[in-house]
Amino acid sequence: MRLVRIVKVKPLGDYRLLLGFDDGTEGEVAFSPGEFTGVLEPLRDPAFFAQAHPDPEFGSLAWPGEIELDPLVVYERATGRKVVG
């Protein structure tokens, strides 16, 4: 399976992000505050959510406090395409 890295994150408001990936693909991903439970609960705060950024080491979608989402899952959600090897 090919690895995908997030290289650009632009908050759009309303729990939406425009993401850029290392393969040149861009896509928008929308979340619902109800998705943020457990360790993700801080993301319910819109100001905190807007601090999203690409993790430079792992290429994941990250926030302060070591909160991260898998870049493959985010890629599939943002683009509607499966990552294949």
N, C-alpha and C. Protein backbone atom coordinates (compact mmCIF):
# COMPACT_ATOMS: atom_id res chain seq x y z
N MET A 1 0.85 -1.18 0.00
CA MET A 1 0.00 0.00 0.00
C MET A 1 0.89 1.24 0.00
N ARG A 2 0.56 2.18 -0.84
CA ARG A 2 1.30 3.42 -0.93
C ARG A 2 1.01 4.30 0.28
N LEU A 3 2.04 4.93 0.79
CA LEU A 3 1.85 5.86 1.90
C LEU A 3 1.41 7.21 1.35
N VAL A 4 0.51 7.85 2.04
CA VAL A 4 0.02 9.17 1.67
C VAL A 4 0.38 10.12 2.80
N ARG A 5 0.83 11.31 2.43
CA ARG A 5 1.17 12.32 3.43
C ARG A 5 0.34 13.57 3.19
N ILE A 6 -0.15 14.15 4.26
CA ILE A 6 -0.84 15.43 4.19
C ILE A 6 0.24 16.51 4.24
N VAL A 7 0.20 17.43 3.27
CA VAL A 7 1.22 18.48 3.20
C VAL A 7 0.63 19.88 3.37
N LYS A 8 -0.70 19.99 3.30
CA LYS A 8 -1.34 21.31 3.45
C LYS A 8 -2.67 21.14 4.16
N VAL A 9 -2.94 22.04 5.09
CA VAL A 9 -4.21 22.05 5.80
C VAL A 9 -4.70 23.50 5.87
N LYS A 10 -5.92 23.72 5.40
CA LYS A 10 -6.52 25.05 5.49
C LYS A 10 -7.90 24.92 6.13
N PRO A 11 -8.06 25.44 7.36
CA PRO A 11 -9.38 25.41 7.99
C PRO A 11 -10.37 26.29 7.22
N LEU A 12 -11.59 25.77 7.03
CA LEU A 12 -12.62 26.49 6.28
C LEU A 12 -13.79 26.92 7.15
N GLY A 13 -13.76 26.60 8.44
CA GLY A 13 -14.88 26.88 9.33
C GLY A 13 -15.86 25.74 9.33
N ASP A 14 -16.74 25.73 10.31
CA ASP A 14 -17.77 24.70 10.44
C ASP A 14 -17.20 23.28 10.40
N TYR A 15 -16.05 23.08 11.03
CA TYR A 15 -15.41 21.76 11.12
C TYR A 15 -15.07 21.19 9.75
N ARG A 16 -14.71 22.06 8.82
CA ARG A 16 -14.30 21.64 7.48
C ARG A 16 -12.84 22.03 7.26
N LEU A 17 -12.13 21.19 6.52
CA LEU A 17 -10.73 21.45 6.20
C LEU A 17 -10.48 21.19 4.72
N LEU A 18 -9.68 22.05 4.11
CA LEU A 18 -9.17 21.78 2.77
C LEU A 18 -7.79 21.18 2.96
N LEU A 19 -7.58 20.00 2.39
CA LEU A 19 -6.33 19.28 2.59
C LEU A 19 -5.60 19.11 1.27
N GLY A 20 -4.28 19.21 1.33
CA GLY A 20 -3.43 18.92 0.19
C GLY A 20 -2.56 17.72 0.53
N PHE A 21 -2.42 16.81 -0.42
CA PHE A 21 -1.67 15.58 -0.22
C PHE A 21 -0.42 15.58 -1.10
N ASP A 22 0.55 14.74 -0.72
CA ASP A 22 1.83 14.73 -1.42
C ASP A 22 1.75 14.22 -2.86
N ASP A 23 0.62 13.67 -3.26
CA ASP A 23 0.45 13.23 -4.66
C ASP A 23 -0.17 14.33 -5.52
N GLY A 24 -0.34 15.53 -4.95
CA GLY A 24 -0.92 16.65 -5.67
C GLY A 24 -2.42 16.75 -5.56
N THR A 25 -3.06 15.77 -4.96
CA THR A 25 -4.51 15.76 -4.79
C THR A 25 -4.90 16.74 -3.68
N GLU A 26 -6.03 17.41 -3.88
CA GLU A 26 -6.63 18.22 -2.83
C GLU A 26 -8.05 17.73 -2.61
N GLY A 27 -8.53 17.90 -1.40
CA GLY A 27 -9.89 17.51 -1.09
C GLY A 27 -10.36 18.17 0.18
N GLU A 28 -11.65 18.29 0.29
CA GLU A 28 -12.26 18.88 1.48
C GLU A 28 -12.84 17.76 2.33
N VAL A 29 -12.64 17.88 3.62
CA VAL A 29 -13.21 16.92 4.55
C VAL A 29 -14.02 17.69 5.58
N ALA A 30 -15.22 17.19 5.87
CA ALA A 30 -16.10 17.82 6.85
C ALA A 30 -16.32 16.84 8.00
N PHE A 31 -16.28 17.37 9.19
CA PHE A 31 -16.51 16.59 10.39
C PHE A 31 -17.75 17.09 11.10
N SER A 32 -18.25 16.30 12.01
CA SER A 32 -19.35 16.70 12.89
C SER A 32 -18.79 16.69 14.30
N PRO A 33 -19.14 17.68 15.13
CA PRO A 33 -18.64 17.68 16.51
C PRO A 33 -18.97 16.40 17.25
N GLY A 34 -20.05 15.72 16.88
CA GLY A 34 -20.43 14.48 17.53
C GLY A 34 -19.44 13.35 17.30
N GLU A 35 -18.58 13.49 16.29
CA GLU A 35 -17.56 12.48 16.02
C GLU A 35 -16.42 12.55 17.04
N PHE A 36 -16.30 13.67 17.71
CA PHE A 36 -15.16 13.92 18.58
C PHE A 36 -15.46 13.48 20.00
N THR A 37 -15.11 12.24 20.28
CA THR A 37 -15.30 11.69 21.63
C THR A 37 -13.95 11.20 22.15
N GLY A 38 -13.90 10.94 23.43
CA GLY A 38 -12.66 10.42 24.02
C GLY A 38 -11.51 11.39 23.84
N VAL A 39 -10.38 10.89 23.34
CA VAL A 39 -9.20 11.73 23.17
C VAL A 39 -9.41 12.82 22.12
N LEU A 40 -10.42 12.68 21.27
CA LEU A 40 -10.70 13.69 20.25
C LEU A 40 -11.63 14.80 20.73
N GLU A 41 -12.12 14.70 21.96
CA GLU A 41 -13.08 15.67 22.47
C GLU A 41 -12.62 17.13 22.38
N PRO A 42 -11.33 17.45 22.56
CA PRO A 42 -10.91 18.85 22.42
C PRO A 42 -11.22 19.46 21.05
N LEU A 43 -11.40 18.61 20.04
CA LEU A 43 -11.70 19.11 18.69
C LEU A 43 -13.09 19.72 18.58
N ARG A 44 -13.93 19.52 19.59
CA ARG A 44 -15.27 20.14 19.57
C ARG A 44 -15.19 21.65 19.66
N ASP A 45 -14.10 22.16 20.23
CA ASP A 45 -13.89 23.62 20.33
C ASP A 45 -13.46 24.12 18.95
N PRO A 46 -14.27 24.96 18.29
CA PRO A 46 -13.93 25.43 16.94
C PRO A 46 -12.56 26.11 16.86
N ALA A 47 -12.18 26.85 17.88
CA ALA A 47 -10.86 27.51 17.86
C ALA A 47 -9.73 26.48 17.91
N PHE A 48 -9.92 25.43 18.69
CA PHE A 48 -8.92 24.37 18.76
C PHE A 48 -8.89 23.59 17.45
N PHE A 49 -10.07 23.26 16.92
CA PHE A 49 -10.15 22.53 15.66
C PHE A 49 -9.40 23.27 14.54
N ALA A 50 -9.51 24.61 14.55
CA ALA A 50 -8.87 25.43 13.51
C ALA A 50 -7.34 25.40 13.59
N GLN A 51 -6.78 24.80 14.63
CA GLN A 51 -5.32 24.68 14.75
C GLN A 51 -4.78 23.45 14.02
N ALA A 52 -5.61 22.83 13.21
CA ALA A 52 -5.19 21.65 12.45
C ALA A 52 -3.99 21.98 11.58
N HIS A 53 -3.08 21.03 11.46
CA HIS A 53 -1.88 21.21 10.65
C HIS A 53 -1.35 19.83 10.22
N PRO A 54 -0.53 19.81 9.18
CA PRO A 54 0.08 18.53 8.81
C PRO A 54 1.23 18.23 9.77
N ASP A 55 1.31 17.01 10.24
CA ASP A 55 2.43 16.60 11.07
C ASP A 55 3.64 16.41 10.14
N PRO A 56 4.72 17.16 10.37
CA PRO A 56 5.86 17.08 9.44
C PRO A 56 6.58 15.74 9.45
N GLU A 57 6.50 15.00 10.54
CA GLU A 57 7.20 13.72 10.62
C GLU A 57 6.40 12.58 9.98
N PHE A 58 5.10 12.52 10.28
CA PHE A 58 4.28 11.39 9.85
C PHE A 58 3.32 11.70 8.71
N GLY A 59 3.14 12.99 8.37
CA GLY A 59 2.22 13.35 7.30
C GLY A 59 0.77 13.16 7.66
N SER A 60 0.48 13.08 8.95
CA SER A 60 -0.89 12.90 9.41
C SER A 60 -1.56 14.26 9.62
N LEU A 61 -2.85 14.24 9.86
CA LEU A 61 -3.60 15.43 10.23
C LEU A 61 -3.47 15.56 11.74
N ALA A 62 -2.93 16.69 12.20
CA ALA A 62 -2.58 16.81 13.60
C ALA A 62 -3.08 18.10 14.23
N TRP A 63 -3.16 18.06 15.57
CA TRP A 63 -3.51 19.20 16.40
C TRP A 63 -2.57 19.21 17.60
N PRO A 64 -2.51 20.33 18.32
CA PRO A 64 -1.69 20.35 19.53
C PRO A 64 -2.11 19.25 20.50
N GLY A 65 -1.17 18.81 21.31
CA GLY A 65 -1.47 17.77 22.29
C GLY A 65 -1.38 16.38 21.72
N GLU A 66 -0.69 16.23 20.60
CA GLU A 66 -0.48 14.93 19.97
C GLU A 66 -1.76 14.25 19.51
N ILE A 67 -2.75 15.03 19.13
CA ILE A 67 -3.97 14.48 18.53
C ILE A 67 -3.71 14.36 17.03
N GLU A 68 -3.89 13.15 16.49
CA GLU A 68 -3.63 12.91 15.08
C GLU A 68 -4.67 11.98 14.47
N LEU A 69 -4.92 12.17 13.18
CA LEU A 69 -5.77 11.27 12.42
C LEU A 69 -4.94 10.66 11.30
N ASP A 70 -5.15 9.39 11.03
CA ASP A 70 -4.42 8.64 10.03
C ASP A 70 -4.57 9.30 8.65
N PRO A 71 -3.45 9.57 7.96
CA PRO A 71 -3.56 10.22 6.66
C PRO A 71 -4.28 9.38 5.60
N LEU A 72 -4.20 8.05 5.67
CA LEU A 72 -4.91 7.22 4.70
C LEU A 72 -6.42 7.34 4.85
N VAL A 73 -6.87 7.31 6.09
CA VAL A 73 -8.31 7.44 6.36
C VAL A 73 -8.80 8.82 5.92
N VAL A 74 -8.04 9.84 6.23
CA VAL A 74 -8.42 11.20 5.87
C VAL A 74 -8.40 11.37 4.35
N TYR A 75 -7.42 10.80 3.67
CA TYR A 75 -7.33 10.87 2.21
C TYR A 75 -8.58 10.26 1.57
N GLU A 76 -8.94 9.07 2.02
CA GLU A 76 -10.11 8.40 1.45
C GLU A 76 -11.38 9.21 1.71
N ARG A 77 -11.47 9.80 2.88
CA ARG A 77 -12.66 10.60 3.21
C ARG A 77 -12.70 11.89 2.41
N ALA A 78 -11.55 12.52 2.20
CA ALA A 78 -11.50 13.81 1.49
C ALA A 78 -11.65 13.64 -0.02
N THR A 79 -11.19 12.51 -0.57
CA THR A 79 -11.18 12.34 -2.02
C THR A 79 -12.20 11.34 -2.52
N GLY A 80 -12.68 10.47 -1.63
CA GLY A 80 -13.59 9.41 -2.05
C GLY A 80 -12.89 8.28 -2.77
N ARG A 81 -11.54 8.28 -2.75
CA ARG A 81 -10.77 7.26 -3.44
C ARG A 81 -9.98 6.42 -2.44
N LYS A 82 -9.89 5.14 -2.72
CA LYS A 82 -9.08 4.22 -1.92
C LYS A 82 -7.62 4.37 -2.33
N VAL A 83 -6.74 4.23 -1.36
CA VAL A 83 -5.31 4.23 -1.65
C VAL A 83 -4.90 2.80 -1.97
N VAL A 84 -4.25 2.63 -3.10
CA VAL A 84 -3.80 1.29 -3.52
C VAL A 84 -2.29 1.29 -3.67
N GLY A 85 -1.69 0.11 -3.56
CA GLY A 85 -0.23 -0.06 -3.63
C GLY A 85 0.30 0.22 -4.94
